[in-house]
PDB file of N, CA and C in Angstrom:
ATOM      1  N   MET A   1      48.486  84.874  96.091  1.00  0.00           N
ATOM      2  CA  MET A   1      48.195  86.327  95.767  1.00  0.00           C
ATOM      3  C   MET A   1      46.922  86.322  95.185  1.00  0.00           C
ATOM      4  N   LYS A   2      46.204  87.368  95.591  1.00  0.00           N
ATOM      5  CA  LYS A   2      44.682  87.541  94.887  1.00  0.00           C
ATOM      6  C   LYS A   2      45.094  88.408  93.772  1.00  0.00           C
ATOM      7  N   LYS A   3      44.098  88.436  92.744  1.00  0.00           N
ATOM      8  CA  LYS A   3      44.115  89.235  91.678  1.00  0.00           C
ATOM      9  C   LYS A   3      44.447  90.708  91.807  1.00  0.00           C
ATOM     10  N   GLU A   4      43.591  91.263  92.736  1.00  0.00           N
ATOM     11  CA  GLU A   4      43.592  92.671  93.061  1.00  0.00           C
ATOM     12  C   GLU A   4      45.106  92.991  93.601  1.00  0.00           C
ATOM     13  N   GLU A   5      45.703  92.135  94.496  1.00  0.00           N
ATOM     14  CA  GLU A   5      47.102  92.423  95.050  1.00  0.00           C
ATOM     15  C   GLU A   5      47.979  92.612  93.968  1.00  0.00           C
ATOM     16  N   ILE A   6      47.882  91.635  92.880  1.00  0.00           N
ATOM     17  CA  ILE A   6      48.871  91.486  91.727  1.00  0.00           C
ATOM     18  C   ILE A   6      48.667  92.782  90.990  1.00  0.00           C
ATOM     19  N   LEU A   7      47.467  93.212  90.790  1.00  0.00           N
ATOM     20  CA  LEU A   7      47.367  94.575  89.931  1.00  0.00           C
ATOM     21  C   LEU A   7      47.940  95.521  90.697  1.00  0.00           C
ATOM     22  N   LYS A   8      47.628  95.705  91.857  1.00  0.00           N
ATOM     23  CA  LYS A   8      48.083  96.854  92.771  1.00  0.00           C
ATOM     24  C   LYS A   8      49.668  97.109  92.684  1.00  0.00           C
ATOM     25  N   LYS A   9      50.195  95.899  92.864  1.00  0.00           N
ATOM     26  CA  LYS A   9      51.662  95.793  92.779  1.00  0.00           C
ATOM     27  C   LYS A   9      52.180  96.079  91.554  1.00  0.00           C
ATOM     28  N   SER A  10      51.609  95.698  90.465  1.00  0.00           N
ATOM     29  CA  SER A  10      51.859  96.117  89.169  1.00  0.00           C
ATOM     30  C   SER A  10      51.808  97.526  88.736  1.00  0.00           C
ATOM     31  N   ARG A  11      50.798  98.210  89.380  1.00  0.00           N
ATOM     32  CA  ARG A  11      50.606  99.526  89.345  1.00  0.00           C
ATOM     33  C   ARG A  11      51.664 100.415  89.859  1.00  0.00           C
ATOM     34  N   LEU A  12      52.125  99.871  90.889  1.00  0.00           N
ATOM     35  CA  LEU A  12      53.291 100.632  91.810  1.00  0.00           C
ATOM     36  C   LEU A  12      54.499 100.507  91.323  1.00  0.00           C
ATOM     37  N   GLU A  13      54.840  99.525  90.347  1.00  0.00           N
ATOM     38  CA  GLU A  13      56.246  99.294  89.935  1.00  0.00           C
ATOM     39  C   GLU A  13      56.409 100.485  88.907  1.00  0.00           C
ATOM     40  N   ASP A  14      55.279 100.978  88.214  1.00  0.00           N
ATOM     41  CA  ASP A  14      55.545 102.108  87.166  1.00  0.00           C
ATOM     42  C   ASP A  14      56.392 101.536  86.144  1.00  0.00           C
ATOM     43  N   CYS A  15      56.007 100.332  85.363  1.00  0.00           N
ATOM     44  CA  CYS A  15      56.625  99.705  84.521  1.00  0.00           C
ATOM     45  C   CYS A  15      55.641  99.538  83.298  1.00  0.00           C
ATOM     46  N   ASP A  16      55.918 100.224  82.242  1.00  0.00           N
ATOM     47  CA  ASP A  16      55.342 100.443  80.919  1.00  0.00           C
ATOM     48  C   ASP A  16      55.992  99.166  80.053  1.00  0.00           C
ATOM     49  N   GLU A  17      55.382  98.180  79.830  1.00  0.00           N
ATOM     50  CA  GLU A  17      55.984  97.154  78.899  1.00  0.00           C
ATOM     51  C   GLU A  17      55.786  97.578  77.467  1.00  0.00           C
ATOM     52  N   GLY A  18      55.108  98.390  76.955  1.00  0.00           N
ATOM     53  CA  GLY A  18      54.924  98.810  75.642  1.00  0.00           C
ATOM     54  C   GLY A  18      56.321  99.737  75.511  1.00  0.00           C
ATOM     55  N   LYS A  19      56.530 100.669  76.409  1.00  0.00           N
ATOM     56  CA  LYS A  19      57.648 101.502  76.380  1.00  0.00           C
ATOM     57  C   LYS A  19      59.011 100.897  76.343  1.00  0.00           C
ATOM     58  N   GLU A  20      59.069  99.595  77.212  1.00  0.00           N
ATOM     59  CA  GLU A  20      60.264  98.863  77.279  1.00  0.00           C
ATOM     60  C   GLU A  20      60.349  98.062  76.003  1.00  0.00           C
ATOM     61  N   TYR A  21      59.507  97.517  75.212  1.00  0.00           N
ATOM     62  CA  TYR A  21      59.412  96.893  73.939  1.00  0.00           C
ATOM     63  C   TYR A  21      59.933  97.962  73.070  1.00  0.00           C
ATOM     64  N   ILE A  22      59.455  99.122  73.014  1.00  0.00           N
ATOM     65  CA  ILE A  22      59.904 100.048  71.786  1.00  0.00           C
ATOM     66  C   ILE A  22      61.409 100.306  72.287  1.00  0.00           C
ATOM     67  N   GLU A  23      61.845 100.624  73.479  1.00  0.00           N
ATOM     68  CA  GLU A  23      63.236 100.909  73.619  1.00  0.00           C
ATOM     69  C   GLU A  23      64.218  99.545  73.361  1.00  0.00           C
ATOM     70  N   GLY A  24      63.558  98.476  73.542  1.00  0.00           N
ATOM     71  CA  GLY A  24      64.415  97.395  73.211  1.00  0.00           C
ATOM     72  C   GLY A  24      64.401  97.141  71.591  1.00  0.00           C
ATOM     73  N   ARG A  25      63.453  97.540  70.938  1.00  0.00           N
ATOM     74  CA  ARG A  25      63.537  97.308  69.394  1.00  0.00           C
ATOM     75  C   ARG A  25      64.512  98.457  68.905  1.00  0.00           C
ATOM     76  N   GLY A  26      64.556  99.702  69.596  1.00  0.00           N
ATOM     77  CA  GLY A  26      65.257 100.668  69.124  1.00  0.00           C
ATOM     78  C   GLY A  26      66.849 100.390  69.418  1.00  0.00           C
ATOM     79  N   ARG A  27      67.051  99.480  70.542  1.00  0.00           N
ATOM     80  CA  ARG A  27      68.296  99.408  70.961  1.00  0.00           C
ATOM     81  C   ARG A  27      68.812  98.188  70.127  1.00  0.00           C
ATOM     82  N   TYR A  28      67.999  97.236  69.561  1.00  0.00           N
ATOM     83  CA  TYR A  28      68.306  96.246  68.542  1.00  0.00           C
ATOM     84  C   TYR A  28      68.881  96.713  67.404  1.00  0.00           C
ATOM     85  N   TYR A  29      68.141  97.816  66.738  1.00  0.00           N
ATOM     86  CA  TYR A  29      68.564  98.128  65.447  1.00  0.00           C
ATOM     87  C   TYR A  29      69.782  99.114  65.693  1.00  0.00           C
ATOM     88  N   GLY A  30      70.074  99.746  66.770  1.00  0.00           N
ATOM     89  CA  GLY A  30      71.030 100.472  66.986  1.00  0.00           C
ATOM     90  C   GLY A  30      72.479  99.707  67.119  1.00  0.00           C
ATOM     91  N   GLU A  31      72.258  98.453  67.646  1.00  0.00           N
ATOM     92  CA  GLU A  31      73.245  97.564  67.746  1.00  0.00           C
ATOM     93  C   GLU A  31      73.727  96.996  66.257  1.00  0.00           C
ATOM     94  N   ILE A  32      72.739  96.829  65.431  1.00  0.00           N
ATOM     95  CA  ILE A  32      73.064  96.279  64.111  1.00  0.00           C
ATOM     96  C   ILE A  32      73.627  97.290  63.355  1.00  0.00           C
ATOM     97  N   VAL A  33      73.273  98.472  63.450  1.00  0.00           N
ATOM     98  CA  VAL A  33      73.993  99.563  62.673  1.00  0.00           C
ATOM     99  C   VAL A  33      75.231  99.874  63.244  1.00  0.00           C
ATOM    100  N   PHE A  34      75.598  99.780  64.551  1.00  0.00           N
ATOM    101  CA  PHE A  34      76.755  99.962  65.139  1.00  0.00           C
ATOM    102  C   PHE A  34      77.655  98.871  64.584  1.00  0.00           C
ATOM    103  N   VAL A  35      77.445  97.645  64.451  1.00  0.00           N
ATOM    104  CA  VAL A  35      78.166  96.541  63.944  1.00  0.00           C
ATOM    105  C   VAL A  35      78.588  96.706  62.498  1.00  0.00           C
ATOM    106  N   ILE A  36      77.461  97.252  61.708  1.00  0.00           N
ATOM    107  CA  ILE A  36      77.675  97.486  60.354  1.00  0.00           C
ATOM    108  C   ILE A  36      78.586  98.529  60.155  1.00  0.00           C
ATOM    109  N   LEU A  37      78.604  99.670  60.681  1.00  0.00           N
ATOM    110  CA  LEU A  37      79.292 100.662  60.602  1.00  0.00           C
ATOM    111  C   LEU A  37      80.865 100.397  61.139  1.00  0.00           C
ATOM    112  N   ALA A  38      80.831  99.589  62.191  1.00  0.00           N
ATOM    113  CA  ALA A  38      82.524  99.187  62.675  1.00  0.00           C
ATOM    114  C   ALA A  38      82.868  98.296  61.671  1.00  0.00           C
ATOM    115  N   ALA A  39      82.290  97.479  60.781  1.00  0.00           N
ATOM    116  CA  ALA A  39      82.591  96.401  59.964  1.00  0.00           C
ATOM    117  C   ALA A  39      83.150  97.329  58.735  1.00  0.00           C
ATOM    118  N   ILE A  40      82.444  98.377  58.296  1.00  0.00           N
ATOM    119  CA  ILE A  40      82.674  99.318  57.101  1.00  0.00           C
ATOM    120  C   ILE A  40      83.796 100.038  57.509  1.00  0.00           C
ATOM    121  N   LEU A  41      84.116 100.452  58.766  1.00  0.00           N
ATOM    122  CA  LEU A  41      85.453 101.305  59.181  1.00  0.00           C
ATOM    123  C   LEU A  41      86.778 100.359  59.128  1.00  0.00           C
ATOM    124  N   MET A  42      86.448  99.090  59.550  1.00  0.00           N
ATOM    125  CA  MET A  42      87.332  98.118  59.564  1.00  0.00           C
ATOM    126  C   MET A  42      87.908  97.839  57.998  1.00  0.00           C
ATOM    127  N   ILE A  43      87.102  97.647  57.235  1.00  0.00           N
ATOM    128  CA  ILE A  43      87.423  97.258  55.878  1.00  0.00           C
ATOM    129  C   ILE A  43      88.007  98.447  55.347  1.00  0.00           C
ATOM    130  N   TYR A  44      87.679  99.644  55.430  1.00  0.00           N
ATOM    131  CA  TYR A  44      88.138 100.871  54.917  1.00  0.00           C
ATOM    132  C   TYR A  44      89.656 101.006  55.470  1.00  0.00           C
ATOM    133  N   ASN A  45      89.867 101.007  56.884  1.00  0.00           N
ATOM    134  CA  ASN A  45      91.190 100.927  57.354  1.00  0.00           C
ATOM    135  C   ASN A  45      92.100  99.972  56.856  1.00  0.00           C
ATOM    136  N   LEU A  46      91.586  98.736  56.546  1.00  0.00           N
ATOM    137  CA  LEU A  46      92.486  97.718  55.982  1.00  0.00           C
ATOM    138  C   LEU A  46      93.057  98.101  54.602  1.00  0.00           C
ATOM    139  N   PHE A  47      92.085  98.639  53.977  1.00  0.00           N
ATOM    140  CA  PHE A  47      92.604  99.117  52.406  1.00  0.00           C
ATOM    141  C   PHE A  47      93.595 100.089  52.555  1.00  0.00           C
ATOM    142  N   ARG A  48      93.341 101.128  53.450  1.00  0.00           N
ATOM    143  CA  ARG A  48      93.988 102.369  53.561  1.00  0.00           C
ATOM    144  C   ARG A  48      95.443 102.244  54.297  1.00  0.00           C
ATOM    145  N   GLY A  49      95.432 100.951  54.919  1.00  0.00           N
ATOM    146  CA  GLY A  49      96.631 100.649  55.753  1.00  0.00           C
ATOM    147  C   GLY A  49      96.828 101.177  57.037  1.00  0.00           C
ATOM    148  N   HIS A  50      95.667 101.549  57.684  1.00  0.00           N
ATOM    149  CA  HIS A  50      95.556 102.146  59.047  1.00  0.00           C
ATOM    150  C   HIS A  50      95.085 101.053  60.006  1.00  0.00           C
ATOM    151  N   THR A  51      95.594 101.371  61.228  1.00  0.00           N
ATOM    152  CA  THR A  51      95.044 100.302  62.135  1.00  0.00           C
ATOM    153  C   THR A  51      93.598 100.523  62.586  1.00  0.00           C
ATOM    154  N   ASN A  52      92.960  99.341  63.025  1.00  0.00           N
ATOM    155  CA  ASN A  52      91.565  99.429  63.525  1.00  0.00           C
ATOM    156  C   ASN A  52      91.471  99.468  65.232  1.00  0.00           C
ATOM    157  N   ASN A  53      92.641 100.037  65.778  1.00  0.00           N
ATOM    158  CA  ASN A  53      92.662 100.005  67.307  1.00  0.00           C
ATOM    159  C   ASN A  53      91.416 100.848  67.700  1.00  0.00           C
ATOM    160  N   GLN A  54      91.262 102.172  67.144  1.00  0.00           N
ATOM    161  CA  GLN A  54      90.003 102.681  67.740  1.00  0.00           C
ATOM    162  C   GLN A  54      88.623 102.060  67.671  1.00  0.00           C
ATOM    163  N   VAL A  55      88.576 101.623  66.346  1.00  0.00           N
ATOM    164  CA  VAL A  55      87.235 100.652  66.153  1.00  0.00           C
ATOM    165  C   VAL A  55      87.131  99.539  67.142  1.00  0.00           C
ATOM    166  N   PHE A  56      88.072  98.954  67.300  1.00  0.00           N
ATOM    167  CA  PHE A  56      88.094  97.781  68.246  1.00  0.00           C
ATOM    168  C   PHE A  56      87.921  98.182  69.754  1.00  0.00           C
ATOM    169  N   THR A  57      88.401  99.392  70.013  1.00  0.00           N
ATOM    170  CA  THR A  57      88.227  99.976  71.326  1.00  0.00           C
ATOM    171  C   THR A  57      86.601 100.208  71.662  1.00  0.00           C
ATOM    172  N   LEU A  58      86.111 100.714  70.623  1.00  0.00           N
ATOM    173  CA  LEU A  58      84.649 101.064  70.654  1.00  0.00           C
ATOM    174  C   LEU A  58      83.838  99.801  70.703  1.00  0.00           C
ATOM    175  N   PHE A  59      84.113  98.863  69.829  1.00  0.00           N
ATOM    176  CA  PHE A  59      83.436  97.376  69.605  1.00  0.00           C
ATOM    177  C   PHE A  59      83.460  96.736  70.888  1.00  0.00           C
ATOM    178  N   TRP A  60      84.754  96.642  71.547  1.00  0.00           N
ATOM    179  CA  TRP A  60      84.783  95.671  72.735  1.00  0.00           C
ATOM    180  C   TRP A  60      84.268  96.452  73.972  1.00  0.00           C
ATOM    181  N   GLY A  61      84.182  97.825  73.998  1.00  0.00           N
ATOM    182  CA  GLY A  61      83.743  98.667  75.122  1.00  0.00           C
ATOM    183  C   GLY A  61      82.214  98.447  75.131  1.00  0.00           C
ATOM    184  N   PHE A  62      81.767  98.413  73.828  1.00  0.00           N
ATOM    185  CA  PHE A  62      80.237  98.372  73.805  1.00  0.00           C
ATOM    186  C   PHE A  62      79.716  96.956  74.302  1.00  0.00           C
ATOM    187  N   LEU A  63      80.504  95.927  73.936  1.00  0.00           N
ATOM    188  CA  LEU A  63      80.276  94.603  74.327  1.00  0.00           C
ATOM    189  C   LEU A  63      80.484  94.466  75.913  1.00  0.00           C
ATOM    190  N   ALA A  64      81.400  95.046  76.295  1.00  0.00           N
ATOM    191  CA  ALA A  64      81.643  95.091  77.897  1.00  0.00           C
ATOM    192  C   ALA A  64      80.488  95.729  78.615  1.00  0.00           C
ATOM    193  N   ALA A  65      80.003  96.875  78.060  1.00  0.00           N
ATOM    194  CA  ALA A  65      78.826  97.545  78.671  1.00  0.00           C
ATOM    195  C   ALA A  65      77.597  96.795  78.591  1.00  0.00           C
ATOM    196  N   GLU A  66      77.433  96.257  77.311  1.00  0.00           N
ATOM    197  CA  GLU A  66      76.353  95.291  76.941  1.00  0.00           C
ATOM    198  C   GLU A  66      76.231  94.234  78.115  1.00  0.00           C
ATOM    199  N   GLY A  67      77.531  93.660  78.009  1.00  0.00           N
ATOM    200  CA  GLY A  67      77.522  92.228  78.923  1.00  0.00           C
ATOM    201  C   GLY A  67      77.297  92.603  80.429  1.00  0.00           C
ATOM    202  N   PHE A  68      77.528  93.784  80.886  1.00  0.00           N
ATOM    203  CA  PHE A  68      77.507  93.995  82.241  1.00  0.00           C
ATOM    204  C   PHE A  68      76.103  94.344  82.704  1.00  0.00           C
ATOM    205  N   GLY A  69      75.382  95.041  81.735  1.00  0.00           N
ATOM    206  CA  GLY A  69      73.929  95.150  81.988  1.00  0.00           C
ATOM    207  C   GLY A  69      73.326  93.862  82.013  1.00  0.00           C
ATOM    208  N   LYS A  70      73.580  92.818  81.172  1.00  0.00           N
ATOM    209  CA  LYS A  70      72.903  91.612  81.193  1.00  0.00           C
ATOM    210  C   LYS A  70      73.481  90.965  82.565  1.00  0.00           C
ATOM    211  N   TYR A  71      74.704  90.979  82.952  1.00  0.00           N
ATOM    212  CA  TYR A  71      75.153  90.328  84.095  1.00  0.00           C
ATOM    213  C   TYR A  71      74.425  90.870  85.267  1.00  0.00           C
ATOM    214  N   ARG A  72      74.233  92.192  85.461  1.00  0.00           N
ATOM    215  CA  ARG A  72      73.566  92.825  86.569  1.00  0.00           C
ATOM    216  C   ARG A  72      72.032  92.297  86.617  1.00  0.00           C
ATOM    217  N   THR A  73      71.379  91.995  85.422  1.00  0.00           N
ATOM    218  CA  THR A  73      70.179  91.701  85.548  1.00  0.00           C
ATOM    219  C   THR A  73      69.936  90.146  85.712  1.00  0.00           C
ATOM    220  N   GLY A  74      70.782  89.205  85.070  1.00  0.00           N
ATOM    221  CA  GLY A  74      70.572  87.830  85.104  1.00  0.00           C
ATOM    222  C   GLY A  74      71.561  87.189  86.152  1.00  0.00           C
ATOM    223  N   LYS A  75      72.565  87.745  86.510  1.00  0.00           N
ATOM    224  CA  LYS A  75      73.661  87.246  87.284  1.00  0.00           C
ATOM    225  C   LYS A  75      74.368  85.840  86.654  1.00  0.00           C
ATOM    226  N   SER A  76      74.364  85.834  85.390  1.00  0.00           N
ATOM    227  CA  SER A  76      75.025  84.739  84.694  1.00  0.00           C
ATOM    228  C   SER A  76      76.516  84.785  84.711  1.00  0.00           C
ATOM    229  N   LYS A  77      77.135  83.693  85.074  1.00  0.00           N
ATOM    230  CA  LYS A  77      78.588  83.650  85.127  1.00  0.00           C
ATOM    231  C   LYS A  77      79.077  83.828  83.781  1.00  0.00           C
ATOM    232  N   GLY A  78      78.489  83.500  82.828  1.00  0.00           N
ATOM    233  CA  GLY A  78      78.807  83.457  81.497  1.00  0.00           C
ATOM    234  C   GLY A  78      79.001  85.047  80.989  1.00  0.00           C
ATOM    235  N   GLU A  79      78.016  85.731  81.299  1.00  0.00           N
ATOM    236  CA  GLU A  79      77.690  87.170  81.070  1.00  0.00           C
ATOM    237  C   GLU A  79      79.100  87.993  81.682  1.00  0.00           C
ATOM    238  N   LEU A  80      79.354  87.302  82.756  1.00  0.00           N
ATOM    239  CA  LEU A  80      80.402  88.020  83.627  1.00  0.00           C
ATOM    240  C   LEU A  80      81.712  87.816  82.844  1.00  0.00           C
ATOM    241  N   VAL A  81      82.103  86.628  82.464  1.00  0.00           N
ATOM    242  CA  VAL A  81      83.259  86.310  81.755  1.00  0.00           C
ATOM    243  C   VAL A  81      83.211  87.079  80.462  1.00  0.00           C
ATOM    244  N   VAL A  82      82.214  87.171  79.757  1.00  0.00           N
ATOM    245  CA  VAL A  82      82.344  87.838  78.487  1.00  0.00           C
ATOM    246  C   VAL A  82      82.693  89.405  78.826  1.00  0.00           C
ATOM    247  N   THR A  83      81.963  90.056  79.931  1.00  0.00           N
ATOM    248  CA  THR A  83      82.125  91.505  80.378  1.00  0.00           C
ATOM    249  C   THR A  83      83.722  91.655  80.599  1.00  0.00           C
ATOM    250  N   ILE A  84      84.209  90.839  81.403  1.00  0.00           N
ATOM    251  CA  ILE A  84      85.562  91.016  81.963  1.00  0.00           C
ATOM    252  C   ILE A  84      86.641  90.892  80.703  1.00  0.00           C
ATOM    253  N   CYS A  85      86.502  89.997  79.911  1.00  0.00           N
ATOM    254  CA  CYS A  85      87.268  89.751  78.563  1.00  0.00           C
ATOM    255  C   CYS A  85      87.089  90.868  77.605  1.00  0.00           C
ATOM    256  N   ALA A  86      85.873  91.318  77.308  1.00  0.00           N
ATOM    257  CA  ALA A  86      85.530  92.396  76.566  1.00  0.00           C
ATOM    258  C   ALA A  86      86.140  93.841  77.115  1.00  0.00           C
ATOM    259  N   ALA A  87      86.013  93.973  78.571  1.00  0.00           N
ATOM    260  CA  ALA A  87      86.615  95.254  79.120  1.00  0.00           C
ATOM    261  C   ALA A  87      87.946  95.408  79.022  1.00  0.00           C
ATOM    262  N   VAL A  88      88.730  94.138  79.169  1.00  0.00           N
ATOM    263  CA  VAL A  88      90.080  93.890  79.082  1.00  0.00           C
ATOM    264  C   VAL A  88      90.524  94.238  77.716  1.00  0.00           C
ATOM    265  N   ALA A  89      89.843  93.545  76.693  1.00  0.00           N
ATOM    266  CA  ALA A  89      90.142  93.882  75.238  1.00  0.00           C
ATOM    267  C   ALA A  89      89.952  95.457  74.736  1.00  0.00           C
ATOM    268  N   SER A  90      89.029  95.944  75.481  1.00  0.00           N
ATOM    269  CA  SER A  90      88.726  97.371  75.102  1.00  0.00           C
ATOM    270  C   SER A  90      89.963  98.387  75.764  1.00  0.00           C
ATOM    271  N   ILE A  91      90.152  97.900  76.785  1.00  0.00           N
ATOM    272  CA  ILE A  91      91.328  98.708  77.518  1.00  0.00           C
ATOM    273  C   ILE A  91      92.522  98.620  76.749  1.00  0.00           C
ATOM    274  N   CYS A  92      92.980  97.296  76.440  1.00  0.00           N
ATOM    275  CA  CYS A  92      94.077  97.180  75.374  1.00  0.00           C
ATOM    276  C   CYS A  92      94.224  97.792  74.333  1.00  0.00           C
ATOM    277  N   TYR A  93      93.043  97.840  73.639  1.00  0.00           N
ATOM    278  CA  TYR A  93      92.871  98.511  72.316  1.00  0.00           C
ATOM    279  C   TYR A  93      93.079 100.090  72.585  1.00  0.00           C
ATOM    280  N   LEU A  94      92.514 100.332  73.599  1.00  0.00           N
ATOM    281  CA  LEU A  94      92.545 102.001  73.837  1.00  0.00           C
ATOM    282  C   LEU A  94      94.105 102.321  74.222  1.00  0.00           C
ATOM    283  N   ILE A  95      94.645 101.504  74.927  1.00  0.00           N
ATOM    284  CA  ILE A  95      96.195 101.707  74.965  1.00  0.00           C
ATOM    285  C   ILE A  95      96.959 101.807  73.873  1.00  0.00           C
ATOM    286  N   LEU A  96      96.730 100.860  73.072  1.00  0.00           N
ATOM    287  CA  LEU A  96      97.288 100.675  71.660  1.00  0.00           C
ATOM    288  C   LEU A  96      96.842 101.866  70.810  1.00  0.00           C
ATOM    289  N   SER A  97      95.718 102.225  70.955  1.00  0.00           N
ATOM    290  CA  SER A  97      95.228 103.535  70.212  1.00  0.00           C
ATOM    291  C   SER A  97      95.968 104.693  70.595  1.00  0.00           C
ATOM    292  N   ILE A  98      96.161 104.930  71.840  1.00  0.00           N
ATOM    293  CA  ILE A  98      96.853 106.102  72.348  1.00  0.00           C
ATOM    294  C   ILE A  98      98.297 106.032  71.876  1.00  0.00           C
ATOM    295  N   MET A  99      99.100 105.010  72.085  1.00  0.00           N
ATOM    296  CA  MET A  99     100.337 104.824  71.984  1.00  0.00           C
ATOM    297  C   MET A  99     100.656 104.683  70.464  1.00  0.00           C
ATOM    298  N   SER A 100      99.812 104.408  69.537  1.00  0.00           N
ATOM    299  CA  SER A 100     100.378 104.365  68.149  1.00  0.00           C
ATOM    300  C   SER A 100     100.206 105.683  67.515  1.00  0.00           C
ATOM    301  N   PRO A 101     101.271 105.868  66.578  1.00  0.00           N
ATOM    302  CA  PRO A 101     101.218 107.132  65.915  1.00  0.00           C
ATOM    303  C   PRO A 101     100.000 107.134  64.908  1.00  0.00           C
ATOM    304  N   THR A 102      99.354 108.304  64.782  1.00  0.00           N
ATOM    305  CA  THR A 102      98.072 108.619  63.861  1.00  0.00           C
ATOM    306  C   THR A 102      98.783 108.776  62.524  1.00  0.00           C
ATOM    307  N   PRO A 103      97.896 108.133  61.532  1.00  0.00           N
ATOM    308  CA  PRO A 103      98.394 108.163  60.092  1.00  0.00           C
ATOM    309  C   PRO A 103      98.193 109.675  59.557  1.00  0.00           C
TER     310      PRO A 103
END
């Protein structure tokens, strides 16, 4: 491929690497904050004698969604396994959360 063809194809893709980098960094910090807040809620619930079913529902659901996105992009069987396991765990915790009495 010639240089001009590559540049033309790149312009047609409408892909801004700077924007993608910024979104990736924002997602990275969002994931860190999510995990920290989930850990704080789990510790709080532990000391209060409450279950962590709702927190685990969100945590495993997040991992399932993230794994699915990675699988769709990279077609890695490892990501598919993680996605399926996390989705099953999230559904189980959701059922437990709905069925258990609220404190």
